[in-house]
């Protein structure tokens, strides 16, 4: 791709399975590559299904841009300030709870900077270790009865369980939320419920429109189904070696895996 190194202005990258290795670490090689990108005036923006507090410490360690696209596109922050927020009607939580009743599914709700859950089960505790903070525990009824405007409920609801259980509830959850929300997998054992029309691809697209960024001059990198929209949108879409074949097919480059410094290697090859 002749001339790419001189035309790329922004890199939008997923975090888990892409930027970080399987132990959720940011390697020295990746940090060195990001430092070189900064020196060349290329901005790196994190795009993740994670909530803001689960991204900020990575942004700071990586030396990434102050902007972050969080909750798979439902929230955008500049520094510590929320500059855009898209939320679901409060009834989506009730419909989701009905769809998973009687199953071994862990529920988390994200609203603004806050994370709520009815109980600290093993899935929630494992997620808390990854994102470096714990949620506030509130009974499910209290979460459903929360007095919020009809259009200002959760930015995201996340369901966690075994991949078999998640696969079994996926159709029922999707049917339950109907047109009020969209359900998608961020991992085989993580089911994300988001405001309609919200995904990483649309968030990156809208960000580029708002900030006058030419899509042909951006790189997007990811490894999961929720990343496919932004990989297709970018001038250069990089799928990780650990991604599924479907994700790889949505990109125009495939990097080594996240445990092989794949993102750093791909960016070095592309831009340096």
C-alpha atoms as a PDB file:
ATOM      1  CA  UNK A   1       0.000   0.000   0.000  1.00  0.00           C
ATOM      2  CA  UNK A   2       2.256   2.727  -1.330  1.00  0.00           C
ATOM      3  CA  UNK A   3       2.287   5.964   0.592  1.00  0.00           C
ATOM      4  CA  UNK A   4       0.459   4.547   3.627  1.00  0.00           C
ATOM      5  CA  UNK A   5       3.167   5.550   6.099  1.00  0.00           C
ATOM      6  CA  UNK A   6       2.841   9.204   5.168  1.00  0.00           C
ATOM      7  CA  UNK A   7      -0.953   9.340   4.998  1.00  0.00           C
ATOM      8  CA  UNK A   8      -2.173   7.556   8.140  1.00  0.00           C
ATOM      9  CA  UNK A   9      -3.339  10.056  10.764  1.00  0.00           C
ATOM     10  CA  UNK A  10      -5.125   7.884  13.360  1.00  0.00           C
ATOM     11  CA  UNK A  11      -5.015   4.361  14.762  1.00  0.00           C
ATOM     12  CA  UNK A  12      -8.187   3.075  16.456  1.00  0.00           C
ATOM     13  CA  UNK A  13      -7.510  -0.105  18.407  1.00  0.00           C
ATOM     14  CA  UNK A  14      -9.476  -2.600  20.442  1.00  0.00           C
ATOM     15  CA  UNK A  15      -7.977  -3.513  23.833  1.00  0.00           C
ATOM     16  CA  UNK A  16      -8.581  -7.126  24.896  1.00  0.00           C
ATOM     17  CA  UNK A  17      -7.201  -9.667  22.466  1.00  0.00           C
ATOM     18  CA  UNK A  18      -5.619  -6.895  20.394  1.00  0.00           C
ATOM     19  CA  UNK A  19      -3.656  -4.267  22.297  1.00  0.00           C
ATOM     20  CA  UNK A  20      -3.090  -6.485  25.356  1.00  0.00           C
ATOM     21  CA  UNK A  21      -1.734 -10.012  25.484  1.00  0.00           C
ATOM     22  CA  UNK A  22      -3.679 -12.910  26.985  1.00  0.00           C
ATOM     23  CA  UNK A  23      -2.488 -11.967  30.477  1.00  0.00           C
ATOM     24  CA  UNK A  24      -3.938  -8.450  29.913  1.00  0.00           C
ATOM     25  CA  UNK A  25      -0.488  -6.883  29.721  1.00  0.00           C
ATOM     26  CA  UNK A  26       0.747  -4.040  27.537  1.00  0.00           C
ATOM     27  CA  UNK A  27       4.153  -5.056  26.215  1.00  0.00           C
ATOM     28  CA  UNK A  28       7.213  -2.837  25.992  1.00  0.00           C
ATOM     29  CA  UNK A  29       7.328  -3.259  22.227  1.00  0.00           C
ATOM     30  CA  UNK A  30       3.777  -1.951  21.890  1.00  0.00           C
ATOM     31  CA  UNK A  31       4.535   1.033  24.134  1.00  0.00           C
ATOM     32  CA  UNK A  32       7.647   1.787  22.090  1.00  0.00           C
ATOM     33  CA  UNK A  33       5.644   1.675  18.847  1.00  0.00           C
ATOM     34  CA  UNK A  34       3.028   4.017  20.307  1.00  0.00           C
ATOM     35  CA  UNK A  35       5.770   6.429  21.378  1.00  0.00           C
ATOM     36  CA  UNK A  36       7.043   6.460  17.804  1.00  0.00           C
ATOM     37  CA  UNK A  37       3.513   7.051  16.494  1.00  0.00           C
ATOM     38  CA  UNK A  38       3.164  10.058  18.820  1.00  0.00           C
ATOM     39  CA  UNK A  39       6.496  11.395  17.601  1.00  0.00           C
ATOM     40  CA  UNK A  40       5.175  11.184  14.042  1.00  0.00           C
ATOM     41  CA  UNK A  41       1.917  12.937  14.924  1.00  0.00           C
ATOM     42  CA  UNK A  42      -0.241   9.818  14.540  1.00  0.00           C
ATOM     43  CA  UNK A  43      -2.965   9.641  17.204  1.00  0.00           C
ATOM     44  CA  UNK A  44      -3.932   6.338  18.851  1.00  0.00           C
ATOM     45  CA  UNK A  45      -7.518   6.094  20.141  1.00  0.00           C
ATOM     46  CA  UNK A  46      -8.712   3.169  22.255  1.00  0.00           C
ATOM     47  CA  UNK A  47     -12.018   1.553  21.270  1.00  0.00           C
ATOM     48  CA  UNK A  48     -13.393  -1.068  23.638  1.00  0.00           C
ATOM     49  CA  UNK A  49     -16.474  -2.723  25.099  1.00  0.00           C
ATOM     50  CA  UNK A  50     -14.907  -1.904  28.473  1.00  0.00           C
ATOM     51  CA  UNK A  51     -16.336   0.864  30.669  1.00  0.00           C
ATOM     52  CA  UNK A  52     -14.355   4.111  30.994  1.00  0.00           C
ATOM     53  CA  UNK A  53     -12.681   3.247  34.307  1.00  0.00           C
ATOM     54  CA  UNK A  54     -11.504  -0.039  32.816  1.00  0.00           C
ATOM     55  CA  UNK A  55      -9.802   1.795  29.947  1.00  0.00           C
ATOM     56  CA  UNK A  56      -8.298   4.949  31.435  1.00  0.00           C
ATOM     57  CA  UNK A  57      -5.313   3.282  33.117  1.00  0.00           C
ATOM     58  CA  UNK A  58      -4.447   1.490  29.861  1.00  0.00           C
ATOM     59  CA  UNK A  59      -4.772   4.726  27.894  1.00  0.00           C
ATOM     60  CA  UNK A  60      -2.383   6.400  30.310  1.00  0.00           C
ATOM     61  CA  UNK A  61       0.125   3.522  30.309  1.00  0.00           C
ATOM     62  CA  UNK A  62       0.073   3.307  26.515  1.00  0.00           C
ATOM     63  CA  UNK A  63       0.307   7.061  26.047  1.00  0.00           C
ATOM     64  CA  UNK A  64      -2.799   6.974  23.852  1.00  0.00           C
ATOM     65  CA  UNK A  65      -5.019   9.902  22.881  1.00  0.00           C
ATOM     66  CA  UNK A  66      -7.214  11.539  25.584  1.00  0.00           C
ATOM     67  CA  UNK A  67     -10.298  10.481  23.604  1.00  0.00           C
ATOM     68  CA  UNK A  68     -11.676   6.995  24.313  1.00  0.00           C
ATOM     69  CA  UNK A  69     -14.591   5.154  22.713  1.00  0.00           C
ATOM     70  CA  UNK A  70     -16.057   3.087  25.559  1.00  0.00           C
ATOM     71  CA  UNK A  71     -18.860   0.551  26.079  1.00  0.00           C
ATOM     72  CA  UNK A  72     -18.523  -0.497  22.417  1.00  0.00           C
ATOM     73  CA  UNK A  73     -19.440   3.011  21.260  1.00  0.00           C
ATOM     74  CA  UNK A  74     -22.155   4.000  23.723  1.00  0.00           C
ATOM     75  CA  UNK A  75     -19.846   6.410  25.570  1.00  0.00           C
ATOM     76  CA  UNK A  76     -17.097   8.719  24.338  1.00  0.00           C
ATOM     77  CA  UNK A  77     -14.759  10.406  26.785  1.00  0.00           C
ATOM     78  CA  UNK A  78     -12.216  13.169  26.404  1.00  0.00           C
ATOM     79  CA  UNK A  79      -9.913  12.817  29.347  1.00  0.00           C
ATOM     80  CA  UNK A  80     -12.187  12.126  32.313  1.00  0.00           C
ATOM     81  CA  UNK A  81     -15.221  13.908  30.830  1.00  0.00           C
ATOM     82  CA  UNK A  82     -18.090  12.165  29.057  1.00  0.00           C
ATOM     83  CA  UNK A  83     -18.654  14.051  25.801  1.00  0.00           C
ATOM     84  CA  UNK A  84     -21.192  11.673  24.200  1.00  0.00           C
ATOM     85  CA  UNK A  85     -23.595   9.166  25.750  1.00  0.00           C
ATOM     86  CA  UNK A  86     -26.155   6.856  24.150  1.00  0.00           C
ATOM     87  CA  UNK A  87     -28.453   4.919  26.457  1.00  0.00           C
ATOM     88  CA  UNK A  88     -31.243   2.359  26.268  1.00  0.00           C
ATOM     89  CA  UNK A  89     -34.748   2.653  27.705  1.00  0.00           C
ATOM     90  CA  UNK A  90     -34.936   1.387  31.270  1.00  0.00           C
ATOM     91  CA  UNK A  91     -37.339  -1.348  30.102  1.00  0.00           C
ATOM     92  CA  UNK A  92     -34.466  -3.121  28.328  1.00  0.00           C
ATOM     93  CA  UNK A  93     -33.125  -4.236  31.709  1.00  0.00           C
ATOM     94  CA  UNK A  94     -36.495  -5.714  32.673  1.00  0.00           C
ATOM     95  CA  UNK A  95     -36.749  -7.549  29.356  1.00  0.00           C
ATOM     96  CA  UNK A  96     -33.209  -8.855  29.704  1.00  0.00           C
ATOM     97  CA  UNK A  97     -33.849 -10.079  33.249  1.00  0.00           C
ATOM     98  CA  UNK A  98     -36.958 -11.920  32.043  1.00  0.00           C
ATOM     99  CA  UNK A  99     -35.012 -13.539  29.202  1.00  0.00           C
ATOM    100  CA  UNK A 100     -32.304 -14.933  31.512  1.00  0.00           C
ATOM    101  CA  UNK A 101     -34.522 -15.861  34.471  1.00  0.00           C
ATOM    102  CA  UNK A 102     -33.581 -19.248  35.894  1.00  0.00           C
ATOM    103  CA  UNK A 103     -30.236 -19.427  34.095  1.00  0.00           C
ATOM    104  CA  UNK A 104     -26.670 -19.320  35.393  1.00  0.00           C
ATOM    105  CA  UNK A 105     -25.950 -15.935  33.854  1.00  0.00           C
ATOM    106  CA  UNK A 106     -24.110 -13.044  35.478  1.00  0.00           C
ATOM    107  CA  UNK A 107     -25.579  -9.598  34.775  1.00  0.00           C
ATOM    108  CA  UNK A 108     -23.747  -6.280  34.807  1.00  0.00           C
ATOM    109  CA  UNK A 109     -25.148  -2.836  34.035  1.00  0.00           C
ATOM    110  CA  UNK A 110     -23.082   0.164  32.978  1.00  0.00           C
ATOM    111  CA  UNK A 111     -24.351   3.726  33.239  1.00  0.00           C
ATOM    112  CA  UNK A 112     -21.942   6.621  32.774  1.00  0.00           C
ATOM    113  CA  UNK A 113     -18.841   5.983  34.851  1.00  0.00           C
ATOM    114  CA  UNK A 114     -20.623   3.456  37.089  1.00  0.00           C
ATOM    115  CA  UNK A 115     -20.803  -0.340  37.009  1.00  0.00           C
ATOM    116  CA  UNK A 116     -23.600  -2.155  38.870  1.00  0.00           C
ATOM    117  CA  UNK A 117     -24.353  -5.823  39.472  1.00  0.00           C
ATOM    118  CA  UNK A 118     -26.840  -7.738  41.635  1.00  0.00           C
ATOM    119  CA  UNK A 119     -24.112  -9.999  43.041  1.00  0.00           C
ATOM    120  CA  UNK A 120     -20.352 -10.487  43.128  1.00  0.00           C
ATOM    121  CA  UNK A 121     -20.263 -13.868  41.417  1.00  0.00           C
ATOM    122  CA  UNK A 122     -17.082 -15.466  39.994  1.00  0.00           C
ATOM    123  CA  UNK A 123     -17.653 -13.917  36.544  1.00  0.00           C
ATOM    124  CA  UNK A 124     -17.964 -10.410  37.993  1.00  0.00           C
ATOM    125  CA  UNK A 125     -14.913 -10.885  40.212  1.00  0.00           C
ATOM    126  CA  UNK A 126     -12.842 -12.103  37.275  1.00  0.00           C
ATOM    127  CA  UNK A 127     -13.961  -9.100  35.211  1.00  0.00           C
ATOM    128  CA  UNK A 128     -13.134  -6.779  38.133  1.00  0.00           C
ATOM    129  CA  UNK A 129      -9.584  -8.124  38.190  1.00  0.00           C
ATOM    130  CA  UNK A 130      -9.249  -7.355  34.480  1.00  0.00           C
ATOM    131  CA  UNK A 131     -10.630  -3.803  34.603  1.00  0.00           C
ATOM    132  CA  UNK A 132      -9.048  -2.925  37.977  1.00  0.00           C
ATOM    133  CA  UNK A 133     -12.195  -1.855  39.828  1.00  0.00           C
ATOM    134  CA  UNK A 134     -15.260  -3.444  41.383  1.00  0.00           C
ATOM    135  CA  UNK A 135     -18.919  -2.699  40.700  1.00  0.00           C
ATOM    136  CA  UNK A 136     -21.476  -1.394  43.127  1.00  0.00           C
ATOM    137  CA  UNK A 137     -23.780  -4.211  44.269  1.00  0.00           C
ATOM    138  CA  UNK A 138     -27.511  -3.465  44.093  1.00  0.00           C
ATOM    139  CA  UNK A 139     -30.462  -5.900  44.024  1.00  0.00           C
ATOM    140  CA  UNK A 140     -31.840  -6.498  40.556  1.00  0.00           C
ATOM    141  CA  UNK A 141     -35.193  -5.015  41.580  1.00  0.00           C
ATOM    142  CA  UNK A 142     -33.468  -1.828  42.689  1.00  0.00           C
ATOM    143  CA  UNK A 143     -31.704  -1.596  39.340  1.00  0.00           C
ATOM    144  CA  UNK A 144     -34.967  -2.144  37.464  1.00  0.00           C
ATOM    145  CA  UNK A 145     -36.823   0.372  39.663  1.00  0.00           C
ATOM    146  CA  UNK A 146     -34.153   3.056  39.311  1.00  0.00           C
ATOM    147  CA  UNK A 147     -35.737   6.412  38.511  1.00  0.00           C
ATOM    148  CA  UNK A 148     -34.154   7.329  35.196  1.00  0.00           C
ATOM    149  CA  UNK A 149     -35.695   8.995  32.136  1.00  0.00           C
ATOM    150  CA  UNK A 150     -37.090   6.607  29.548  1.00  0.00           C
ATOM    151  CA  UNK A 151     -34.154   7.282  27.253  1.00  0.00           C
ATOM    152  CA  UNK A 152     -31.450   7.383  29.924  1.00  0.00           C
ATOM    153  CA  UNK A 153     -31.133   3.837  31.188  1.00  0.00           C
ATOM    154  CA  UNK A 154     -27.993   1.754  30.790  1.00  0.00           C
ATOM    155  CA  UNK A 155     -25.305   2.528  28.247  1.00  0.00           C
ATOM    156  CA  UNK A 156     -24.577  -1.191  28.228  1.00  0.00           C
ATOM    157  CA  UNK A 157     -25.767  -4.420  29.810  1.00  0.00           C
ATOM    158  CA  UNK A 158     -23.335  -7.328  29.845  1.00  0.00           C
ATOM    159  CA  UNK A 159     -24.203 -10.979  30.356  1.00  0.00           C
ATOM    160  CA  UNK A 160     -21.436 -13.426  31.281  1.00  0.00           C
ATOM    161  CA  UNK A 161     -21.499 -17.203  31.580  1.00  0.00           C
ATOM    162  CA  UNK A 162     -20.036 -20.254  29.874  1.00  0.00           C
ATOM    163  CA  UNK A 163     -19.987 -20.048  26.094  1.00  0.00           C
ATOM    164  CA  UNK A 164     -22.578 -22.836  25.984  1.00  0.00           C
ATOM    165  CA  UNK A 165     -25.011 -20.947  28.226  1.00  0.00           C
ATOM    166  CA  UNK A 166     -24.451 -17.682  26.380  1.00  0.00           C
ATOM    167  CA  UNK A 167     -25.108 -19.429  23.054  1.00  0.00           C
ATOM    168  CA  UNK A 168     -28.342 -20.879  24.445  1.00  0.00           C
ATOM    169  CA  UNK A 169     -29.735 -17.556  25.730  1.00  0.00           C
ATOM    170  CA  UNK A 170     -28.561 -15.390  22.830  1.00  0.00           C
ATOM    171  CA  UNK A 171     -31.709 -15.862  20.668  1.00  0.00           C
ATOM    172  CA  UNK A 172     -34.076 -15.315  23.606  1.00  0.00           C
ATOM    173  CA  UNK A 173     -32.274 -12.143  24.729  1.00  0.00           C
ATOM    174  CA  UNK A 174     -32.247 -10.776  21.191  1.00  0.00           C
ATOM    175  CA  UNK A 175     -35.962 -11.459  20.833  1.00  0.00           C
ATOM    176  CA  UNK A 176     -36.692 -10.031  24.288  1.00  0.00           C
ATOM    177  CA  UNK A 177     -35.043  -6.665  23.735  1.00  0.00           C
ATOM    178  CA  UNK A 178     -36.557  -6.369  20.264  1.00  0.00           C
ATOM    179  CA  UNK A 179     -35.954  -3.030  18.562  1.00  0.00           C
ATOM    180  CA  UNK A 180     -35.097  -1.292  21.844  1.00  0.00           C
ATOM    181  CA  UNK A 181     -31.525  -2.593  21.911  1.00  0.00           C
ATOM    182  CA  UNK A 182     -29.017  -4.734  20.038  1.00  0.00           C
ATOM    183  CA  UNK A 183     -27.287  -7.853  21.371  1.00  0.00           C
ATOM    184  CA  UNK A 184     -23.869  -8.946  20.138  1.00  0.00           C
ATOM    185  CA  UNK A 185     -20.983 -11.130  21.301  1.00  0.00           C
ATOM    186  CA  UNK A 186     -17.775  -9.438  22.375  1.00  0.00           C
ATOM    187  CA  UNK A 187     -16.379 -12.868  23.317  1.00  0.00           C
ATOM    188  CA  UNK A 188     -17.997 -16.321  23.194  1.00  0.00           C
ATOM    189  CA  UNK A 189     -18.818 -16.014  26.900  1.00  0.00           C
ATOM    190  CA  UNK A 190     -19.715 -12.270  26.914  1.00  0.00           C
ATOM    191  CA  UNK A 191     -23.020 -11.045  25.483  1.00  0.00           C
ATOM    192  CA  UNK A 192     -23.253  -7.262  25.165  1.00  0.00           C
ATOM    193  CA  UNK A 193     -26.583  -5.406  24.970  1.00  0.00           C
ATOM    194  CA  UNK A 194     -26.296  -1.902  23.533  1.00  0.00           C
ATOM    195  CA  UNK A 195     -28.502   0.963  22.349  1.00  0.00           C
ATOM    196  CA  UNK A 196     -29.835   0.351  18.817  1.00  0.00           C
ATOM    197  CA  UNK A 197     -27.416   1.405  16.109  1.00  0.00           C
ATOM    198  CA  UNK A 198     -24.482   1.520  18.525  1.00  0.00           C
ATOM    199  CA  UNK A 199     -21.377  -0.486  17.728  1.00  0.00           C
ATOM    200  CA  UNK A 200     -17.681   0.153  17.341  1.00  0.00           C
ATOM    201  CA  UNK A 201     -17.955   0.688  13.605  1.00  0.00           C
ATOM    202  CA  UNK A 202     -20.653   3.353  13.849  1.00  0.00           C
ATOM    203  CA  UNK A 203     -18.827   5.015  16.755  1.00  0.00           C
ATOM    204  CA  UNK A 204     -15.571   5.280  14.809  1.00  0.00           C
ATOM    205  CA  UNK A 205     -17.476   6.495  11.729  1.00  0.00           C
ATOM    206  CA  UNK A 206     -19.317   9.190  13.689  1.00  0.00           C
ATOM    207  CA  UNK A 207     -16.098  10.221  15.461  1.00  0.00           C
ATOM    208  CA  UNK A 208     -14.367  10.643  12.106  1.00  0.00           C
ATOM    209  CA  UNK A 209     -17.254  12.678  10.703  1.00  0.00           C
ATOM    210  CA  UNK A 210     -17.357  14.936  13.756  1.00  0.00           C
ATOM    211  CA  UNK A 211     -13.603  15.534  13.778  1.00  0.00           C
ATOM    212  CA  UNK A 212     -13.091  15.754  10.029  1.00  0.00           C
ATOM    213  CA  UNK A 213     -10.956  12.608   9.788  1.00  0.00           C
ATOM    214  CA  UNK A 214     -10.606  10.939   6.401  1.00  0.00           C
ATOM    215  CA  UNK A 215     -11.510   7.219   6.815  1.00  0.00           C
ATOM    216  CA  UNK A 216      -8.960   6.272   4.155  1.00  0.00           C
ATOM    217  CA  UNK A 217      -6.269   7.601   6.478  1.00  0.00           C
ATOM    218  CA  UNK A 218      -7.134   5.542   9.553  1.00  0.00           C
ATOM    219  CA  UNK A 219      -6.076   2.134  10.823  1.00  0.00           C
ATOM    220  CA  UNK A 220      -8.479   0.011  12.902  1.00  0.00           C
ATOM    221  CA  UNK A 221      -7.398  -3.154  14.722  1.00  0.00           C
ATOM    222  CA  UNK A 222      -9.452  -5.817  16.482  1.00  0.00           C
ATOM    223  CA  UNK A 223     -10.115  -9.496  17.068  1.00  0.00           C
ATOM    224  CA  UNK A 224     -13.826 -10.060  17.781  1.00  0.00           C
ATOM    225  CA  UNK A 225     -17.234  -9.887  16.113  1.00  0.00           C
ATOM    226  CA  UNK A 226     -17.869  -6.462  17.660  1.00  0.00           C
ATOM    227  CA  UNK A 227     -14.751  -5.134  15.878  1.00  0.00           C
ATOM    228  CA  UNK A 228     -15.796  -6.112  12.359  1.00  0.00           C
ATOM    229  CA  UNK A 229     -17.643  -2.878  11.561  1.00  0.00           C
ATOM    230  CA  UNK A 230     -14.658  -0.681  12.301  1.00  0.00           C
ATOM    231  CA  UNK A 231     -12.278  -3.018  10.437  1.00  0.00           C
ATOM    232  CA  UNK A 232     -14.432  -2.689   7.317  1.00  0.00           C
ATOM    233  CA  UNK A 233     -14.737   1.099   7.725  1.00  0.00           C
ATOM    234  CA  UNK A 234     -11.013   1.809   7.998  1.00  0.00           C
ATOM    235  CA  UNK A 235      -8.627   2.479   5.178  1.00  0.00           C
ATOM    236  CA  UNK A 236      -6.546  -0.267   6.789  1.00  0.00           C
ATOM    237  CA  UNK A 237      -8.301  -2.911   8.884  1.00  0.00           C
ATOM    238  CA  UNK A 238      -6.028  -5.192  10.904  1.00  0.00           C
ATOM    239  CA  UNK A 239      -7.388  -8.462  12.303  1.00  0.00           C
ATOM    240  CA  UNK A 240      -5.320 -10.245  14.898  1.00  0.00           C
ATOM    241  CA  UNK A 241      -4.000 -13.756  14.334  1.00  0.00           C
ATOM    242  CA  UNK A 242      -6.118 -14.924  17.270  1.00  0.00           C
ATOM    243  CA  UNK A 243      -9.321 -13.682  15.591  1.00  0.00           C
ATOM    244  CA  UNK A 244     -11.943 -15.922  14.005  1.00  0.00           C
ATOM    245  CA  UNK A 245     -11.962 -16.488  10.252  1.00  0.00           C
ATOM    246  CA  UNK A 246     -14.989 -14.209   9.931  1.00  0.00           C
ATOM    247  CA  UNK A 247     -13.170 -11.333  11.624  1.00  0.00           C
ATOM    248  CA  UNK A 248     -10.091 -11.929   9.482  1.00  0.00           C
ATOM    249  CA  UNK A 249     -12.246 -11.806   6.371  1.00  0.00           C
ATOM    250  CA  UNK A 250     -13.528  -8.350   7.367  1.00  0.00           C
ATOM    251  CA  UNK A 251      -9.969  -6.916   7.433  1.00  0.00           C
ATOM    252  CA  UNK A 252      -7.444  -6.273   4.699  1.00  0.00           C
ATOM    253  CA  UNK A 253      -4.466  -7.276   6.850  1.00  0.00           C
ATOM    254  CA  UNK A 254      -3.941 -10.100   9.356  1.00  0.00           C
ATOM    255  CA  UNK A 255      -1.353  -9.621  12.099  1.00  0.00           C
ATOM    256  CA  UNK A 256       0.289 -12.223  14.312  1.00  0.00           C
ATOM    257  CA  UNK A 257      -1.592 -12.971  17.539  1.00  0.00           C
ATOM    258  CA  UNK A 258      -1.846 -10.675  20.543  1.00  0.00           C
ATOM    259  CA  UNK A 259       0.626 -12.967  22.353  1.00  0.00           C
ATOM    260  CA  UNK A 260       3.200 -12.381  19.596  1.00  0.00           C
ATOM    261  CA  UNK A 261       3.182  -8.561  19.700  1.00  0.00           C
ATOM    262  CA  UNK A 262       0.959  -8.757  16.642  1.00  0.00           C
ATOM    263  CA  UNK A 263      -0.376  -5.194  16.765  1.00  0.00           C
ATOM    264  CA  UNK A 264       3.086  -3.706  17.228  1.00  0.00           C
ATOM    265  CA  UNK A 265       4.507  -5.815  14.387  1.00  0.00           C
ATOM    266  CA  UNK A 266       1.673  -4.874  12.052  1.00  0.00           C
ATOM    267  CA  UNK A 267       2.032  -1.166  12.791  1.00  0.00           C
ATOM    268  CA  UNK A 268       5.810  -1.319  12.355  1.00  0.00           C
ATOM    269  CA  UNK A 269       5.409  -3.026   8.994  1.00  0.00           C
ATOM    270  CA  UNK A 270       2.682  -0.634   7.876  1.00  0.00           C
ATOM    271  CA  UNK A 271       3.962   2.698   9.097  1.00  0.00           C
ATOM    272  CA  UNK A 272       7.724   2.635   9.749  1.00  0.00           C
END
